[in-house]
Amino acid sequence: MQEAETRQERAIEAALQVAASFGVAAHVPEILHDSNNTVIHLSPAPIVAKVRTTPSQRRSFQSELGIGLYPADQDALAVRPSREIPPVLHMYDGLELTFWEWCPHDPGVEVDGRKAGHALRRLHDALAGYAGRLPSYTRDLEEVGSILAREETLQSLDRSDKAFLREVHETGYAPLEARTLAIQPLHGEAHLGNLLASADGPRWIDFEAACIGPPEWDFASLPDEALDAFPNVDLELLRHLRLVHHLCVAVWCWLNPDRDPILRLHGEIHLEALRDGHQW
């Protein structure tokens, strides 16, 4: 608990100080999320600060800003960088920060798989011409392989579970390397938790994992109803990528499961899903 409080206090201090340097006063900062990053609504200002409080090789605030600023007509598709604070990577006390528009989420509005699929289709269409540099979607598997190769990681897992994850990684990579796939800019983590129910309809957030890859990589995070928006889906590839997705999320969650109870829960869910569906 003490560690979480210290992390959150440091993140709030960084966000308030940077915002104040641009004339933004936030009297009632509210933590919205504290998992991979600490996300803070700088109330009463219509601004959300995202503070990196966990080191990550695969997540890029710079890529996220690039996607957030492109194109100008995607305002109804994704939450945009704040117009009150420069849309660049800010630093304070060794922490990286970015600032975004406040987009109220209506918890009473259900964004189901079908709506998410159509929102993702519009996003893919909007990003089709994006020319910024993005990593390959296989970067996730590469990072997971690096984590699994280190004996000191995933200490909360049984040895048998870690051995299972290593086996899945070793057997899951080769089929992807052997295929030639049509690739395009992707959200990277297009699950329902990254979709807000705004007054203007569903809007995507959290583009840190944006990448280049087959569209099925984004589908892998969504329920089957989302596929209604996409007429040409490679179902064999999708099945494989869903297992890869379970592998990656399981490893990331078990890397630091005590940071947030939701991480341990999701780690267990994805590990179980991987055991149930593991058959390359």
Protein backbone atom coordinates (compact mmCIF):
# COMPACT_ATOMS: atom_id res chain seq x y z
CA MET A 1 0.00 0.00 0.00
CA GLN A 2 2.81 2.39 0.93
CA GLU A 3 4.51 1.77 -2.42
CA ALA A 4 1.29 2.54 -4.31
CA GLU A 5 0.68 5.73 -2.34
CA THR A 6 4.23 6.94 -2.92
CA ARG A 7 3.98 6.18 -6.66
CA GLN A 8 0.66 7.98 -6.97
CA GLU A 9 1.80 11.01 -4.97
CA ARG A 10 4.90 11.33 -7.15
CA ALA A 11 2.80 11.07 -10.32
CA ILE A 12 0.31 13.70 -9.10
CA GLU A 13 3.11 16.08 -8.14
CA ALA A 14 4.71 15.71 -11.58
CA ALA A 15 1.40 16.27 -13.38
CA LEU A 16 0.51 19.33 -11.30
CA GLN A 17 3.91 20.93 -11.70
CA VAL A 18 4.06 20.48 -15.48
CA ALA A 19 0.46 21.66 -15.90
CA ALA A 20 1.09 24.72 -13.73
CA SER A 21 4.06 25.68 -15.89
CA PHE A 22 1.56 26.16 -18.74
CA GLY A 23 -0.95 28.07 -16.64
CA VAL A 24 -3.25 25.13 -15.90
CA ALA A 25 -4.54 25.01 -12.31
CA ALA A 26 -5.80 21.64 -11.07
CA HIS A 27 -7.25 21.91 -7.57
CA VAL A 28 -8.80 18.44 -7.33
CA PRO A 29 -6.60 15.86 -9.10
CA GLU A 30 -8.34 12.50 -9.38
CA ILE A 31 -6.58 9.23 -10.17
CA LEU A 32 -8.51 7.41 -12.88
CA HIS A 33 -6.20 4.44 -13.33
CA ASP A 34 -3.02 3.14 -11.79
CA SER A 35 -1.73 0.06 -13.55
CA ASN A 36 0.99 0.32 -16.20
CA ASN A 37 0.74 4.10 -15.92
CA THR A 38 -0.83 6.48 -13.45
CA VAL A 39 -3.64 8.39 -15.18
CA ILE A 40 -4.93 11.54 -13.50
CA HIS A 41 -7.85 13.87 -14.26
CA LEU A 42 -6.56 17.37 -13.51
CA SER A 43 -9.96 18.58 -12.33
CA PRO A 44 -11.49 21.07 -12.83
CA ALA A 45 -9.44 21.45 -16.02
CA PRO A 46 -10.63 19.26 -18.94
CA ILE A 47 -7.23 17.56 -19.06
CA VAL A 48 -5.98 14.06 -18.26
CA ALA A 49 -2.33 13.47 -17.43
CA LYS A 50 -0.72 10.15 -18.22
CA VAL A 51 2.41 9.50 -16.17
CA ARG A 52 4.71 6.56 -16.86
CA THR A 53 5.36 4.97 -13.50
CA THR A 54 6.42 1.54 -14.83
CA PRO A 55 9.39 1.17 -17.21
CA SER A 56 8.42 -0.42 -20.54
CA GLN A 57 10.31 -1.25 -23.70
CA ARG A 58 7.22 -1.98 -25.78
CA ARG A 59 5.11 1.05 -24.89
CA SER A 60 5.89 4.41 -26.44
CA PHE A 61 4.40 7.74 -25.41
CA GLN A 62 5.97 9.22 -28.56
CA SER A 63 4.12 6.78 -30.84
CA GLU A 64 0.93 7.42 -28.92
CA LEU A 65 1.24 11.18 -29.44
CA GLY A 66 1.89 10.67 -33.15
CA ILE A 67 -1.25 8.56 -33.53
CA GLY A 68 -3.24 10.96 -31.34
CA LEU A 69 -2.42 13.91 -33.59
CA TYR A 70 -3.29 12.08 -36.83
CA PRO A 71 -5.46 12.68 -38.72
CA ALA A 72 -7.25 15.92 -37.87
CA ASP A 73 -10.66 14.44 -38.67
CA GLN A 74 -10.45 11.52 -36.22
CA ASP A 75 -11.74 13.58 -33.26
CA ALA A 76 -14.85 11.42 -33.09
CA LEU A 77 -12.76 8.22 -33.15
CA ALA A 78 -10.12 8.75 -30.50
CA VAL A 79 -9.32 10.98 -27.55
CA ARG A 80 -6.86 13.64 -28.65
CA PRO A 81 -3.85 15.27 -26.96
CA SER A 82 -4.70 18.34 -24.90
CA ARG A 83 -4.85 21.67 -26.69
CA GLU A 84 -3.97 23.54 -23.49
CA ILE A 85 -0.58 21.90 -22.93
CA PRO A 86 1.88 21.28 -25.79
CA PRO A 87 1.41 17.78 -27.27
CA VAL A 88 4.96 16.63 -26.65
CA LEU A 89 6.68 14.26 -24.24
CA HIS A 90 7.20 16.11 -20.96
CA MET A 91 9.66 15.17 -18.21
CA TYR A 92 9.54 15.91 -14.49
CA ASP A 93 11.55 14.27 -11.71
CA GLY A 94 12.58 11.47 -14.05
CA LEU A 95 9.00 10.70 -15.10
CA GLU A 96 7.55 10.87 -18.62
CA LEU A 97 4.19 12.62 -19.00
CA THR A 98 1.68 13.37 -21.74
CA PHE A 99 -1.57 15.33 -21.52
CA TRP A 100 -4.90 14.47 -23.12
CA GLU A 101 -8.38 15.88 -23.49
CA TRP A 102 -10.81 14.91 -20.75
CA CYS A 103 -13.48 12.66 -22.28
CA PRO A 104 -16.25 11.74 -19.82
CA HIS A 105 -17.18 8.06 -19.92
CA ASP A 106 -20.83 7.08 -19.40
CA PRO A 107 -20.75 3.81 -17.40
CA GLY A 108 -24.45 3.36 -18.10
CA VAL A 109 -23.83 2.95 -21.83
CA GLU A 110 -22.71 -0.49 -22.92
CA VAL A 111 -20.14 -0.64 -25.70
CA ASP A 112 -20.55 -4.23 -26.85
CA GLY A 113 -18.41 -6.21 -29.23
CA ARG A 114 -20.44 -5.24 -32.29
CA LYS A 115 -20.15 -1.51 -31.57
CA ALA A 116 -16.47 -1.95 -30.80
CA GLY A 117 -15.94 -3.70 -34.13
CA HIS A 118 -17.48 -0.85 -36.09
CA ALA A 119 -15.49 1.69 -34.06
CA LEU A 120 -12.31 -0.26 -34.83
CA ARG A 121 -13.16 -0.43 -38.53
CA ARG A 122 -13.49 3.37 -38.63
CA LEU A 123 -10.21 3.73 -36.75
CA HIS A 124 -8.37 1.38 -39.12
CA ASP A 125 -9.72 3.34 -42.08
CA ALA A 126 -8.58 6.62 -40.50
CA LEU A 127 -5.08 5.30 -39.79
CA ALA A 128 -4.59 3.73 -43.22
CA GLY A 129 -2.52 6.68 -44.44
CA TYR A 130 -0.45 7.10 -41.27
CA ALA A 131 3.20 7.36 -42.27
CA GLY A 132 4.78 7.65 -38.83
CA ARG A 133 7.24 5.03 -37.66
CA LEU A 134 5.63 2.14 -35.77
CA PRO A 135 7.15 -1.14 -34.53
CA SER A 136 6.03 -4.57 -35.71
CA TYR A 137 3.32 -6.32 -33.73
CA THR A 138 5.83 -9.14 -33.16
CA ARG A 139 7.69 -6.82 -30.78
CA ASP A 140 5.30 -8.04 -28.08
CA LEU A 141 6.35 -11.65 -28.55
CA GLU A 142 10.00 -10.62 -28.58
CA GLU A 143 9.67 -8.78 -25.27
CA VAL A 144 7.78 -11.68 -23.74
CA GLY A 145 10.52 -14.05 -24.87
CA SER A 146 13.11 -11.84 -23.21
CA ILE A 147 11.13 -11.83 -19.95
CA LEU A 148 10.67 -15.60 -19.98
CA ALA A 149 14.38 -16.17 -20.61
CA ARG A 150 15.35 -14.50 -17.34
CA GLU A 151 15.28 -16.78 -14.31
CA GLU A 152 14.61 -13.94 -11.87
CA THR A 153 11.33 -12.87 -13.48
CA LEU A 154 7.76 -14.10 -12.80
CA GLN A 155 8.65 -15.17 -9.25
CA SER A 156 4.95 -15.38 -8.30
CA LEU A 157 4.38 -18.19 -10.82
CA ASP A 158 4.96 -21.88 -10.19
CA ARG A 159 7.94 -23.29 -12.08
CA SER A 160 5.59 -25.51 -14.07
CA ASP A 161 3.52 -22.50 -15.18
CA LYS A 162 6.61 -20.61 -16.28
CA ALA A 163 7.85 -23.66 -18.17
CA PHE A 164 4.46 -23.90 -19.88
CA LEU A 165 4.63 -20.24 -20.95
CA ARG A 166 8.13 -20.78 -22.34
CA GLU A 167 6.91 -23.76 -24.35
CA VAL A 168 3.98 -21.79 -25.74
CA HIS A 169 6.28 -18.95 -26.75
CA GLU A 170 8.76 -21.24 -28.49
CA THR A 171 6.08 -23.02 -30.50
CA GLY A 172 3.97 -19.95 -31.21
CA TYR A 173 6.52 -17.71 -32.88
CA ALA A 174 7.59 -19.87 -35.84
CA PRO A 175 4.20 -19.98 -37.64
CA LEU A 176 4.10 -16.17 -37.71
CA GLU A 177 7.61 -15.87 -39.14
CA ALA A 178 6.72 -18.36 -41.87
CA ARG A 179 3.71 -16.36 -43.16
CA THR A 180 3.56 -13.34 -45.45
CA LEU A 181 0.84 -11.10 -44.07
CA ALA A 182 -0.86 -7.90 -45.19
CA ILE A 183 0.01 -5.29 -42.59
CA GLN A 184 -1.33 -1.88 -41.61
CA PRO A 185 -1.25 0.59 -38.67
CA LEU A 186 -3.05 -0.88 -35.66
CA HIS A 187 -4.23 0.27 -32.25
CA GLY A 188 -2.22 -2.55 -30.69
CA GLU A 189 -4.44 -3.14 -27.66
CA ALA A 190 -7.96 -2.77 -29.02
CA HIS A 191 -9.87 -4.29 -26.11
CA LEU A 192 -13.13 -2.97 -24.65
CA GLY A 193 -11.31 -1.38 -21.72
CA ASN A 194 -9.68 1.04 -24.16
CA LEU A 195 -12.98 2.26 -25.57
CA LEU A 196 -14.88 5.08 -23.86
CA ALA A 197 -18.63 5.57 -24.18
CA SER A 198 -18.63 9.32 -24.86
CA ALA A 199 -21.52 11.60 -25.70
CA ASP A 200 -20.33 11.46 -29.33
CA GLY A 201 -20.11 7.68 -29.45
CA PRO A 202 -17.28 5.20 -28.76
CA ARG A 203 -13.81 6.77 -28.64
CA TRP A 204 -10.50 4.91 -28.44
CA ILE A 205 -7.80 5.67 -25.88
CA ASP A 206 -4.34 4.32 -25.00
CA PHE A 207 -2.31 4.05 -28.23
CA GLU A 208 1.01 3.30 -26.53
CA ALA A 209 1.11 -0.17 -28.10
CA ALA A 210 0.34 1.11 -31.62
CA CYS A 211 2.13 -1.02 -34.18
CA ILE A 212 2.18 -2.35 -37.73
CA GLY A 213 0.65 -5.77 -38.27
CA PRO A 214 -2.26 -7.79 -39.64
CA PRO A 215 -5.69 -6.48 -38.60
CA GLU A 216 -6.33 -9.80 -36.86
CA TRP A 217 -3.91 -8.67 -34.13
CA ASP A 218 -6.41 -5.98 -33.12
CA PHE A 219 -9.33 -8.44 -33.48
CA ALA A 220 -7.61 -10.80 -31.05
CA SER A 221 -8.50 -8.51 -28.13
CA LEU A 222 -12.21 -8.30 -28.99
CA PRO A 223 -15.20 -10.69 -28.81
CA ASP A 224 -16.42 -12.48 -31.92
CA GLU A 225 -19.27 -10.00 -32.52
CA ALA A 226 -16.68 -7.40 -33.50
CA LEU A 227 -15.88 -9.41 -36.62
CA ASP A 228 -19.24 -8.40 -38.16
CA ALA A 229 -17.57 -5.12 -39.21
CA PHE A 230 -14.82 -6.93 -41.13
CA PRO A 231 -15.83 -9.05 -44.14
CA ASN A 232 -12.45 -10.70 -44.77
CA VAL A 233 -11.01 -12.20 -41.61
CA ASP A 234 -8.35 -14.91 -41.62
CA LEU A 235 -9.93 -17.09 -38.93
CA GLU A 236 -6.95 -19.45 -38.68
CA LEU A 237 -4.60 -16.51 -38.12
CA LEU A 238 -7.03 -14.96 -35.66
CA ARG A 239 -7.18 -18.14 -33.58
CA HIS A 240 -3.39 -18.24 -33.45
CA LEU A 241 -3.08 -14.56 -32.55
CA ARG A 242 -5.66 -14.88 -29.78
CA LEU A 243 -3.43 -17.47 -28.14
CA VAL A 244 -0.42 -15.19 -28.64
CA HIS A 245 -2.44 -12.40 -27.04
CA HIS A 246 -3.26 -14.57 -24.02
CA LEU A 247 0.43 -15.44 -23.71
CA CYS A 248 1.58 -11.82 -23.81
CA VAL A 249 -1.00 -10.53 -21.36
CA ALA A 250 -0.38 -13.40 -18.95
CA VAL A 251 3.36 -12.68 -18.89
CA TRP A 252 2.93 -8.92 -18.48
CA CYS A 253 0.45 -9.36 -15.64
CA TRP A 254 2.60 -11.90 -13.77
CA LEU A 255 5.64 -9.66 -14.15
CA ASN A 256 4.37 -7.46 -11.30
CA PRO A 257 1.07 -8.91 -10.02
CA ASP A 258 1.21 -7.12 -6.67
CA ARG A 259 1.09 -3.63 -8.20
CA ASP A 260 -2.68 -3.86 -8.64
CA PRO A 261 -5.12 -6.69 -7.76
CA ILE A 262 -6.53 -6.49 -11.28
CA LEU A 263 -3.15 -7.56 -12.69
CA ARG A 264 -3.12 -10.81 -10.71
CA LEU A 265 -6.74 -11.49 -11.68
CA HIS A 266 -6.07 -10.91 -15.37
CA GLY A 267 -2.89 -12.95 -15.16
CA GLU A 268 -4.88 -15.91 -13.86
CA ILE A 269 -7.62 -15.45 -16.47
CA HIS A 270 -5.24 -15.33 -19.42
CA LEU A 271 -3.10 -18.21 -18.15
CA GLU A 272 -6.23 -20.36 -17.81
CA ALA A 273 -7.48 -19.31 -21.26
CA LEU A 274 -4.09 -20.24 -22.70
CA ARG A 275 -4.21 -23.68 -21.08
CA ASP A 276 -7.74 -24.25 -22.41
CA GLY A 277 -6.96 -23.15 -25.94
CA HIS A 278 -3.29 -24.04 -26.40
CA GLN A 279 -3.08 -26.08 -29.57
CA TRP A 280 -1.05 -24.41 -32.29
